[in-house]
Amino acid sequence: MAKRLEVVTEQSTPPVWAALRNQAEHAAKAEPALASLLNAVILSHDNLADALTFQLARKLGDQEMRAMTAREFAAEAFHSDPALVIAAEADLMAVFERDPACKGYVQPFLFFKGFLALQTHRVSHWLWSQGRETLAFYLQSRSSEVFQVDINPAARIGQGVFIDHGTGIVIGETAVVGDDVSMLHGVTLGGTGADRGDRHPKIGRGVLLGAGAKVLGNISVGDFAKVASGSVVLKPVPPHCTAAGVPARIVNCPTCEEPAKSMDQTLSEAVYDYVI
């Protein structure tokens, strides 16, 4: 059964922004100590893009790059590419739907490192695509410092992506992550050495990457596959299969229908088919 929002609007399926504002209003009344924060970050803005630029600037600004400067180029990115806002909305929905500890949209928008690091990456990737590589790498560095998530600006990431906890995630330059992927802390999408060129994993749609999973090299993890926690994957994983172990082996093929949404990291009675 789908999880219900704690606070809903009069619509049966409220837009994310309407629901976020609604929940922020109730939270401000319930916890006056946070009313000014909720007002500054959410309630004083007219749309999700404006609120998100403020929140990212608040988190990323430092002595070298003031918050207002960060807000300006984040706003430029969202204005130039509305798909970034659509992706952020899908990411926010993914957090709420897949994280049993998440009570609504306010929590991830204000506090969840994985969500905020992913939105930082979306801005840095836009900057990289515009040829503004130095600023893009600056954002990567700040995200690593602030959120403990290190994503190269050139990496391509789909929408509806859920990064749970975030700490220790590393995603390399030529990695590709499809829509509706879920990954937990300590995941690495890396290379196998000092080779240049296309050297990082390609993660399909709806994949679940368990805590501490390492996928290394220019290999594919097929749609709706699952990589068990602590596994080291060095060869391709077929769609709808589970890879587990060090080195990883294929087990439980086919796996559950939508592993990224069920977030089921357990393994049923494992029958090892072959080493990958």
C-alpha atoms as a PDB file:
ATOM      1  CA  MET A   1       0.000   0.000   0.000  1.00  0.00           C
ATOM      2  CA  ALA A   2       1.335   3.426  -0.946  1.00  0.00           C
ATOM      3  CA  LYS A   3       2.340   5.669   1.920  1.00  0.00           C
ATOM      4  CA  ARG A   4       0.078   8.656   2.600  1.00  0.00           C
ATOM      5  CA  LEU A   5       1.224  12.176   3.259  1.00  0.00           C
ATOM      6  CA  GLU A   6       0.717  13.405   6.803  1.00  0.00           C
ATOM      7  CA  VAL A   7      -0.884  16.584   5.454  1.00  0.00           C
ATOM      8  CA  VAL A   8      -2.774  16.797   2.179  1.00  0.00           C
ATOM      9  CA  THR A   9      -4.479  19.538   0.264  1.00  0.00           C
ATOM     10  CA  GLU A  10      -8.072  19.450  -0.921  1.00  0.00           C
ATOM     11  CA  GLN A  11      -6.933  17.738  -4.127  1.00  0.00           C
ATOM     12  CA  SER A  12      -6.797  13.953  -4.034  1.00  0.00           C
ATOM     13  CA  THR A  13      -3.271  13.910  -5.462  1.00  0.00           C
ATOM     14  CA  PRO A  14      -1.644  17.263  -4.601  1.00  0.00           C
ATOM     15  CA  PRO A  15       1.282  18.577  -6.614  1.00  0.00           C
ATOM     16  CA  VAL A  16       4.582  18.272  -4.810  1.00  0.00           C
ATOM     17  CA  TRP A  17       4.965  22.026  -4.326  1.00  0.00           C
ATOM     18  CA  ALA A  18       1.454  22.436  -2.884  1.00  0.00           C
ATOM     19  CA  ALA A  19       2.018  19.514  -0.539  1.00  0.00           C
ATOM     20  CA  LEU A  20       5.449  20.826   0.510  1.00  0.00           C
ATOM     21  CA  ARG A  21       4.020  24.251   1.373  1.00  0.00           C
ATOM     22  CA  ASN A  22       1.078  22.700   3.192  1.00  0.00           C
ATOM     23  CA  GLN A  23       3.337  20.535   5.322  1.00  0.00           C
ATOM     24  CA  ALA A  24       5.704  23.458   5.984  1.00  0.00           C
ATOM     25  CA  GLU A  25       2.820  25.596   7.251  1.00  0.00           C
ATOM     26  CA  HIS A  26       1.730  22.874   9.656  1.00  0.00           C
ATOM     27  CA  ALA A  27       5.311  22.239  10.787  1.00  0.00           C
ATOM     28  CA  ALA A  28       5.853  25.954  11.485  1.00  0.00           C
ATOM     29  CA  LYS A  29       2.767  26.009  13.720  1.00  0.00           C
ATOM     30  CA  ALA A  30       3.747  22.803  15.491  1.00  0.00           C
ATOM     31  CA  GLU A  31       7.378  23.827  16.036  1.00  0.00           C
ATOM     32  CA  PRO A  32       7.684  27.639  16.366  1.00  0.00           C
ATOM     33  CA  ALA A  33      11.464  27.374  16.866  1.00  0.00           C
ATOM     34  CA  LEU A  34      11.733  26.378  13.200  1.00  0.00           C
ATOM     35  CA  ALA A  35       9.111  28.784  11.856  1.00  0.00           C
ATOM     36  CA  SER A  36      11.656  31.302  10.571  1.00  0.00           C
ATOM     37  CA  LEU A  37      13.641  28.558   8.808  1.00  0.00           C
ATOM     38  CA  LEU A  38      10.529  27.106   7.188  1.00  0.00           C
ATOM     39  CA  ASN A  39       9.415  30.544   6.087  1.00  0.00           C
ATOM     40  CA  ALA A  40      12.811  31.489   4.624  1.00  0.00           C
ATOM     41  CA  VAL A  41      13.405  28.205   2.799  1.00  0.00           C
ATOM     42  CA  ILE A  42       9.876  27.277   1.680  1.00  0.00           C
ATOM     43  CA  LEU A  43       6.961  29.523   2.560  1.00  0.00           C
ATOM     44  CA  SER A  44       8.375  32.805   1.258  1.00  0.00           C
ATOM     45  CA  HIS A  45       8.754  31.393  -2.267  1.00  0.00           C
ATOM     46  CA  ASP A  46       6.248  31.034  -5.091  1.00  0.00           C
ATOM     47  CA  ASN A  47       7.443  27.769  -6.621  1.00  0.00           C
ATOM     48  CA  LEU A  48       9.682  24.757  -6.124  1.00  0.00           C
ATOM     49  CA  ALA A  49      12.519  26.124  -8.254  1.00  0.00           C
ATOM     50  CA  ASP A  50      12.838  29.329  -6.221  1.00  0.00           C
ATOM     51  CA  ALA A  51      12.750  27.434  -2.930  1.00  0.00           C
ATOM     52  CA  LEU A  52      15.309  24.933  -4.140  1.00  0.00           C
ATOM     53  CA  THR A  53      17.737  27.600  -5.322  1.00  0.00           C
ATOM     54  CA  PHE A  54      17.501  29.255  -1.904  1.00  0.00           C
ATOM     55  CA  GLN A  55      18.060  25.961  -0.087  1.00  0.00           C
ATOM     56  CA  LEU A  56      21.037  24.929  -2.206  1.00  0.00           C
ATOM     57  CA  ALA A  57      22.610  28.367  -1.857  1.00  0.00           C
ATOM     58  CA  ARG A  58      22.095  28.240   1.914  1.00  0.00           C
ATOM     59  CA  LYS A  59      23.879  24.904   2.099  1.00  0.00           C
ATOM     60  CA  LEU A  60      26.664  25.477  -0.436  1.00  0.00           C
ATOM     61  CA  GLY A  61      27.654  29.092   0.125  1.00  0.00           C
ATOM     62  CA  ASP A  62      31.008  29.679   1.825  1.00  0.00           C
ATOM     63  CA  GLN A  63      33.700  32.345   2.127  1.00  0.00           C
ATOM     64  CA  GLU A  64      34.877  31.829  -1.448  1.00  0.00           C
ATOM     65  CA  MET A  65      31.413  31.729  -3.026  1.00  0.00           C
ATOM     66  CA  ARG A  66      28.705  33.631  -1.177  1.00  0.00           C
ATOM     67  CA  ALA A  67      25.200  32.203  -0.972  1.00  0.00           C
ATOM     68  CA  MET A  68      23.728  34.884  -3.244  1.00  0.00           C
ATOM     69  CA  THR A  69      26.212  33.998  -5.984  1.00  0.00           C
ATOM     70  CA  ALA A  70      25.360  30.323  -5.679  1.00  0.00           C
ATOM     71  CA  ARG A  71      21.678  31.172  -5.829  1.00  0.00           C
ATOM     72  CA  GLU A  72      22.135  33.190  -9.025  1.00  0.00           C
ATOM     73  CA  PHE A  73      23.679  30.398 -11.088  1.00  0.00           C
ATOM     74  CA  ALA A  74      21.320  27.778  -9.622  1.00  0.00           C
ATOM     75  CA  ALA A  75      18.393  29.968 -10.663  1.00  0.00           C
ATOM     76  CA  GLU A  76      19.974  30.388 -14.097  1.00  0.00           C
ATOM     77  CA  ALA A  77      20.176  26.604 -14.468  1.00  0.00           C
ATOM     78  CA  PHE A  78      16.550  26.009 -13.428  1.00  0.00           C
ATOM     79  CA  HIS A  79      15.290  28.829 -15.650  1.00  0.00           C
ATOM     80  CA  SER A  80      17.269  27.632 -18.666  1.00  0.00           C
ATOM     81  CA  ASP A  81      16.364  23.970 -18.253  1.00  0.00           C
ATOM     82  CA  PRO A  82      12.928  23.334 -16.673  1.00  0.00           C
ATOM     83  CA  ALA A  83      13.665  19.586 -16.856  1.00  0.00           C
ATOM     84  CA  LEU A  84      15.902  20.096 -13.820  1.00  0.00           C
ATOM     85  CA  VAL A  85      12.879  21.132 -11.759  1.00  0.00           C
ATOM     86  CA  ILE A  86      10.839  18.214 -13.076  1.00  0.00           C
ATOM     87  CA  ALA A  87      13.655  15.877 -12.077  1.00  0.00           C
ATOM     88  CA  ALA A  88      13.886  17.437  -8.610  1.00  0.00           C
ATOM     89  CA  GLU A  89      10.160  16.945  -8.116  1.00  0.00           C
ATOM     90  CA  ALA A  90      10.452  13.289  -9.177  1.00  0.00           C
ATOM     91  CA  ASP A  91      13.431  12.827  -6.831  1.00  0.00           C
ATOM     92  CA  LEU A  92      11.464  14.301  -3.929  1.00  0.00           C
ATOM     93  CA  MET A  93       8.551  11.977  -4.621  1.00  0.00           C
ATOM     94  CA  ALA A  94      10.943   9.021  -4.800  1.00  0.00           C
ATOM     95  CA  VAL A  95      12.348   9.797  -1.350  1.00  0.00           C
ATOM     96  CA  PHE A  96       8.888   9.964   0.186  1.00  0.00           C
ATOM     97  CA  GLU A  97       7.629   6.834  -1.516  1.00  0.00           C
ATOM     98  CA  ARG A  98      10.683   4.629  -0.841  1.00  0.00           C
ATOM     99  CA  ASP A  99      12.015   5.747   2.549  1.00  0.00           C
ATOM    100  CA  PRO A 100       9.871   4.352   5.392  1.00  0.00           C
ATOM    101  CA  ALA A 101      11.420   6.914   7.765  1.00  0.00           C
ATOM    102  CA  CYS A 102      10.297   9.849   5.611  1.00  0.00           C
ATOM    103  CA  LYS A 103       7.112  11.515   6.883  1.00  0.00           C
ATOM    104  CA  GLY A 104       6.560  13.963   4.035  1.00  0.00           C
ATOM    105  CA  TYR A 105       8.366  16.329   1.677  1.00  0.00           C
ATOM    106  CA  VAL A 106       9.670  18.827   4.237  1.00  0.00           C
ATOM    107  CA  GLN A 107      12.093  16.313   5.760  1.00  0.00           C
ATOM    108  CA  PRO A 108      14.129  15.542   2.619  1.00  0.00           C
ATOM    109  CA  PHE A 109      13.885  19.094   1.287  1.00  0.00           C
ATOM    110  CA  LEU A 110      15.435  20.527   4.447  1.00  0.00           C
ATOM    111  CA  PHE A 111      17.599  17.771   5.839  1.00  0.00           C
ATOM    112  CA  PHE A 112      18.348  14.773   3.597  1.00  0.00           C
ATOM    113  CA  LYS A 113      21.906  14.835   2.249  1.00  0.00           C
ATOM    114  CA  GLY A 114      21.201  12.449  -0.605  1.00  0.00           C
ATOM    115  CA  PHE A 115      18.418  14.570  -2.053  1.00  0.00           C
ATOM    116  CA  LEU A 116      20.349  17.827  -1.687  1.00  0.00           C
ATOM    117  CA  ALA A 117      23.561  16.352  -3.118  1.00  0.00           C
ATOM    118  CA  LEU A 118      21.642  15.059  -6.130  1.00  0.00           C
ATOM    119  CA  GLN A 119      20.133  18.494  -6.815  1.00  0.00           C
ATOM    120  CA  THR A 120      23.585  20.036  -6.471  1.00  0.00           C
ATOM    121  CA  HIS A 121      24.833  17.571  -9.059  1.00  0.00           C
ATOM    122  CA  ARG A 122      22.004  18.483 -11.438  1.00  0.00           C
ATOM    123  CA  VAL A 123      23.120  22.116 -11.313  1.00  0.00           C
ATOM    124  CA  SER A 124      26.800  21.202 -11.675  1.00  0.00           C
ATOM    125  CA  HIS A 125      26.007  18.930 -14.631  1.00  0.00           C
ATOM    126  CA  TRP A 126      24.136  21.799 -16.308  1.00  0.00           C
ATOM    127  CA  LEU A 127      27.133  24.079 -15.762  1.00  0.00           C
ATOM    128  CA  TRP A 128      29.454  21.397 -17.173  1.00  0.00           C
ATOM    129  CA  SER A 129      27.230  21.057 -20.249  1.00  0.00           C
ATOM    130  CA  GLN A 130      27.511  24.824 -20.776  1.00  0.00           C
ATOM    131  CA  GLY A 131      31.303  24.654 -20.779  1.00  0.00           C
ATOM    132  CA  ARG A 132      31.586  26.154 -17.276  1.00  0.00           C
ATOM    133  CA  GLU A 133      33.687  23.262 -16.021  1.00  0.00           C
ATOM    134  CA  THR A 134      35.628  25.071 -13.290  1.00  0.00           C
ATOM    135  CA  LEU A 135      32.452  26.187 -11.516  1.00  0.00           C
ATOM    136  CA  ALA A 136      30.949  22.725 -12.018  1.00  0.00           C
ATOM    137  CA  PHE A 137      33.947  21.112 -10.317  1.00  0.00           C
ATOM    138  CA  TYR A 138      33.760  23.684  -7.535  1.00  0.00           C
ATOM    139  CA  LEU A 139      30.210  22.534  -6.827  1.00  0.00           C
ATOM    140  CA  GLN A 140      31.328  18.918  -6.875  1.00  0.00           C
ATOM    141  CA  SER A 141      33.960  19.757  -4.271  1.00  0.00           C
ATOM    142  CA  ARG A 142      31.478  21.647  -2.081  1.00  0.00           C
ATOM    143  CA  SER A 143      28.955  18.814  -2.303  1.00  0.00           C
ATOM    144  CA  SER A 144      31.638  16.347  -1.210  1.00  0.00           C
ATOM    145  CA  GLU A 145      32.556  18.585   1.724  1.00  0.00           C
ATOM    146  CA  VAL A 146      29.006  19.371   2.828  1.00  0.00           C
ATOM    147  CA  PHE A 147      27.076  16.200   1.989  1.00  0.00           C
ATOM    148  CA  GLN A 148      29.848  13.543   1.756  1.00  0.00           C
ATOM    149  CA  VAL A 149      28.608  12.669  -1.733  1.00  0.00           C
ATOM    150  CA  ASP A 150      31.096  12.892  -4.628  1.00  0.00           C
ATOM    151  CA  ILE A 151      29.523  12.938  -8.109  1.00  0.00           C
ATOM    152  CA  ASN A 152      31.546  14.028 -11.110  1.00  0.00           C
ATOM    153  CA  PRO A 153      29.720  16.831 -12.989  1.00  0.00           C
ATOM    154  CA  ALA A 154      29.900  14.880 -16.250  1.00  0.00           C
ATOM    155  CA  ALA A 155      28.013  11.867 -14.854  1.00  0.00           C
ATOM    156  CA  ARG A 156      24.500  11.497 -16.273  1.00  0.00           C
ATOM    157  CA  ILE A 157      21.697  10.769 -13.817  1.00  0.00           C
ATOM    158  CA  GLY A 158      18.019  10.209 -14.608  1.00  0.00           C
ATOM    159  CA  GLN A 159      15.034  11.370 -12.604  1.00  0.00           C
ATOM    160  CA  GLY A 160      13.115   9.762  -9.775  1.00  0.00           C
ATOM    161  CA  VAL A 161      16.447   8.761  -8.200  1.00  0.00           C
ATOM    162  CA  PHE A 162      16.623   8.034  -4.480  1.00  0.00           C
ATOM    163  CA  ILE A 163      19.969   8.379  -2.686  1.00  0.00           C
ATOM    164  CA  ASP A 164      19.397   7.099   0.853  1.00  0.00           C
ATOM    165  CA  HIS A 165      21.659   8.543   3.584  1.00  0.00           C
ATOM    166  CA  GLY A 166      24.173   9.597   0.940  1.00  0.00           C
ATOM    167  CA  THR A 167      27.358   9.325   2.981  1.00  0.00           C
ATOM    168  CA  GLY A 168      30.259   7.874   1.028  1.00  0.00           C
ATOM    169  CA  ILE A 169      28.651   7.696  -2.415  1.00  0.00           C
ATOM    170  CA  VAL A 170      31.087   8.131  -5.335  1.00  0.00           C
ATOM    171  CA  ILE A 171      29.971   8.337  -8.986  1.00  0.00           C
ATOM    172  CA  GLY A 172      32.588   8.661 -11.719  1.00  0.00           C
ATOM    173  CA  GLU A 173      32.839  10.865 -14.781  1.00  0.00           C
ATOM    174  CA  THR A 174      31.423   8.535 -17.448  1.00  0.00           C
ATOM    175  CA  ALA A 175      28.853   6.795 -15.257  1.00  0.00           C
ATOM    176  CA  VAL A 176      25.208   6.765 -16.320  1.00  0.00           C
ATOM    177  CA  VAL A 177      22.341   6.205 -13.873  1.00  0.00           C
ATOM    178  CA  GLY A 178      18.879   5.545 -15.268  1.00  0.00           C
ATOM    179  CA  ASP A 179      15.480   6.705 -14.068  1.00  0.00           C
ATOM    180  CA  ASP A 180      13.963   5.398 -10.827  1.00  0.00           C
ATOM    181  CA  VAL A 181      17.222   4.017  -9.404  1.00  0.00           C
ATOM    182  CA  SER A 182      17.707   3.667  -5.637  1.00  0.00           C
ATOM    183  CA  MET A 183      21.112   3.557  -3.978  1.00  0.00           C
ATOM    184  CA  LEU A 184      22.223   3.508  -0.375  1.00  0.00           C
ATOM    185  CA  HIS A 185      25.278   4.858   1.424  1.00  0.00           C
ATOM    186  CA  GLY A 186      28.738   3.740   0.426  1.00  0.00           C
ATOM    187  CA  VAL A 187      27.895   2.945  -3.197  1.00  0.00           C
ATOM    188  CA  THR A 188      30.724   3.395  -5.709  1.00  0.00           C
ATOM    189  CA  LEU A 189      30.250   3.586  -9.466  1.00  0.00           C
ATOM    190  CA  GLY A 190      33.911   3.696 -10.372  1.00  0.00           C
ATOM    191  CA  GLY A 191      36.634   2.622 -12.730  1.00  0.00           C
ATOM    192  CA  THR A 192      39.065  -0.265 -12.491  1.00  0.00           C
ATOM    193  CA  GLY A 193      42.266   1.693 -13.002  1.00  0.00           C
ATOM    194  CA  ALA A 194      43.827   4.742 -14.596  1.00  0.00           C
ATOM    195  CA  ASP A 195      42.341   4.203 -18.048  1.00  0.00           C
ATOM    196  CA  ARG A 196      40.811   7.225 -19.738  1.00  0.00           C
ATOM    197  CA  GLY A 197      37.694   7.357 -21.889  1.00  0.00           C
ATOM    198  CA  ASP A 198      34.424   5.586 -21.176  1.00  0.00           C
ATOM    199  CA  ARG A 199      35.359   3.663 -18.037  1.00  0.00           C
ATOM    200  CA  HIS A 200      32.437   3.767 -15.586  1.00  0.00           C
ATOM    201  CA  PRO A 201      29.251   1.713 -15.081  1.00  0.00           C
ATOM    202  CA  LYS A 202      25.931   2.144 -16.846  1.00  0.00           C
ATOM    203  CA  ILE A 203      23.075   1.543 -14.412  1.00  0.00           C
ATOM    204  CA  GLY A 204      19.689   0.698 -15.933  1.00  0.00           C
ATOM    205  CA  ARG A 205      16.231   1.835 -14.946  1.00  0.00           C
ATOM    206  CA  GLY A 206      14.767   0.772 -11.610  1.00  0.00           C
ATOM    207  CA  VAL A 207      17.990  -0.750 -10.253  1.00  0.00           C
ATOM    208  CA  LEU A 208      18.597  -1.126  -6.511  1.00  0.00           C
ATOM    209  CA  LEU A 209      22.209  -0.667  -5.347  1.00  0.00           C
ATOM    210  CA  GLY A 210      22.579  -1.873  -1.765  1.00  0.00           C
ATOM    211  CA  ALA A 211      24.681  -0.267   0.937  1.00  0.00           C
ATOM    212  CA  GLY A 212      28.389  -0.464   0.192  1.00  0.00           C
ATOM    213  CA  ALA A 213      27.926  -1.943  -3.289  1.00  0.00           C
ATOM    214  CA  LYS A 214      30.835  -1.354  -5.691  1.00  0.00           C
ATOM    215  CA  VAL A 215      30.240  -1.496  -9.446  1.00  0.00           C
ATOM    216  CA  LEU A 216      33.507  -1.017 -11.297  1.00  0.00           C
ATOM    217  CA  GLY A 217      34.372  -0.568 -14.951  1.00  0.00           C
ATOM    218  CA  ASN A 218      32.474   0.179 -18.134  1.00  0.00           C
ATOM    219  CA  ILE A 219      29.868  -2.502 -17.519  1.00  0.00           C
ATOM    220  CA  SER A 220      26.084  -2.490 -17.504  1.00  0.00           C
ATOM    221  CA  VAL A 221      23.648  -3.332 -14.741  1.00  0.00           C
ATOM    222  CA  GLY A 222      20.414  -4.166 -16.530  1.00  0.00           C
ATOM    223  CA  ASP A 223      16.986  -2.681 -15.889  1.00  0.00           C
ATOM    224  CA  PHE A 224      15.343  -3.695 -12.600  1.00  0.00           C
ATOM    225  CA  ALA A 225      18.410  -5.595 -11.430  1.00  0.00           C
ATOM    226  CA  LYS A 226      19.650  -5.581  -7.854  1.00  0.00           C
ATOM    227  CA  VAL A 227      23.161  -5.432  -6.399  1.00  0.00           C
ATOM    228  CA  ALA A 228      23.302  -6.762  -2.856  1.00  0.00           C
ATOM    229  CA  SER A 229      24.948  -4.804  -0.048  1.00  0.00           C
ATOM    230  CA  GLY A 230      28.722  -5.082   0.099  1.00  0.00           C
ATOM    231  CA  SER A 231      29.040  -6.696  -3.312  1.00  0.00           C
ATOM    232  CA  VAL A 232      31.814  -5.998  -5.823  1.00  0.00           C
ATOM    233  CA  VAL A 233      30.558  -6.182  -9.411  1.00  0.00           C
ATOM    234  CA  LEU A 234      33.159  -6.430 -12.174  1.00  0.00           C
ATOM    235  CA  LYS A 235      31.111  -7.923 -15.015  1.00  0.00           C
ATOM    236  CA  PRO A 236      27.679  -7.091 -16.498  1.00  0.00           C
ATOM    237  CA  VAL A 237      24.507  -7.936 -14.587  1.00  0.00           C
ATOM    238  CA  PRO A 238      21.535  -9.054 -16.727  1.00  0.00           C
ATOM    239  CA  PRO A 239      18.173  -7.269 -16.361  1.00  0.00           C
ATOM    240  CA  HIS A 240      15.899  -8.466 -13.549  1.00  0.00           C
ATOM    241  CA  CYS A 241      18.712 -10.381 -11.826  1.00  0.00           C
ATOM    242  CA  THR A 242      20.457 -10.022  -8.474  1.00  0.00           C
ATOM    243  CA  ALA A 243      24.235  -9.864  -8.098  1.00  0.00           C
ATOM    244  CA  ALA A 244      25.735 -10.664  -4.689  1.00  0.00           C
ATOM    245  CA  GLY A 245      29.138 -11.401  -3.213  1.00  0.00           C
ATOM    246  CA  VAL A 246      32.818 -10.609  -3.675  1.00  0.00           C
ATOM    247  CA  PRO A 247      33.317 -11.068  -6.545  1.00  0.00           C
ATOM    248  CA  ALA A 248      29.633 -10.844  -7.368  1.00  0.00           C
ATOM    249  CA  ARG A 249      27.671 -13.815  -8.654  1.00  0.00           C
ATOM    250  CA  ILE A 250      24.230 -13.911 -10.215  1.00  0.00           C
ATOM    251  CA  VAL A 251      21.533 -15.119  -7.805  1.00  0.00           C
ATOM    252  CA  ASN A 252      17.731 -15.115  -7.781  1.00  0.00           C
ATOM    253  CA  CYS A 253      17.228 -14.538 -11.487  1.00  0.00           C
ATOM    254  CA  PRO A 254      14.663 -13.113 -12.026  1.00  0.00           C
ATOM    255  CA  THR A 255      14.618 -10.932  -8.918  1.00  0.00           C
ATOM    256  CA  CYS A 256      11.632  -8.990  -7.566  1.00  0.00           C
ATOM    257  CA  GLU A 257       9.652  -6.924 -10.067  1.00  0.00           C
ATOM    258  CA  GLU A 258      10.707  -3.393  -8.999  1.00  0.00           C
ATOM    259  CA  PRO A 259      13.629  -3.634  -6.574  1.00  0.00           C
ATOM    260  CA  ALA A 260      14.327   0.111  -6.473  1.00  0.00           C
ATOM    261  CA  LYS A 261      10.801   0.827  -5.268  1.00  0.00           C
ATOM    262  CA  SER A 262      10.449  -2.094  -2.869  1.00  0.00           C
ATOM    263  CA  MET A 263      13.897  -1.325  -1.383  1.00  0.00           C
ATOM    264  CA  ASP A 264      14.125  -5.003  -0.449  1.00  0.00           C
ATOM    265  CA  GLN A 265      17.799  -5.701   0.222  1.00  0.00           C
ATOM    266  CA  THR A 266      17.277  -9.227   1.488  1.00  0.00           C
ATOM    267  CA  LEU A 267      18.091 -12.325  -0.515  1.00  0.00           C
ATOM    268  CA  SER A 268      15.679 -15.207  -0.730  1.00  0.00           C
ATOM    269  CA  GLU A 269      17.116 -18.706  -0.788  1.00  0.00           C
ATOM    270  CA  ALA A 270      20.039 -18.016  -3.089  1.00  0.00           C
ATOM    271  CA  VAL A 271      20.747 -20.362  -5.946  1.00  0.00           C
ATOM    272  CA  TYR A 272      24.061 -19.425  -7.520  1.00  0.00           C
ATOM    273  CA  ASP A 273      23.791 -19.736 -11.275  1.00  0.00           C
ATOM    274  CA  TYR A 274      27.189 -18.516 -12.437  1.00  0.00           C
ATOM    275  CA  VAL A 275      30.056 -16.233 -11.552  1.00  0.00           C
ATOM    276  CA  ILE A 276      30.028 -12.883 -13.341  1.00  0.00           C
END
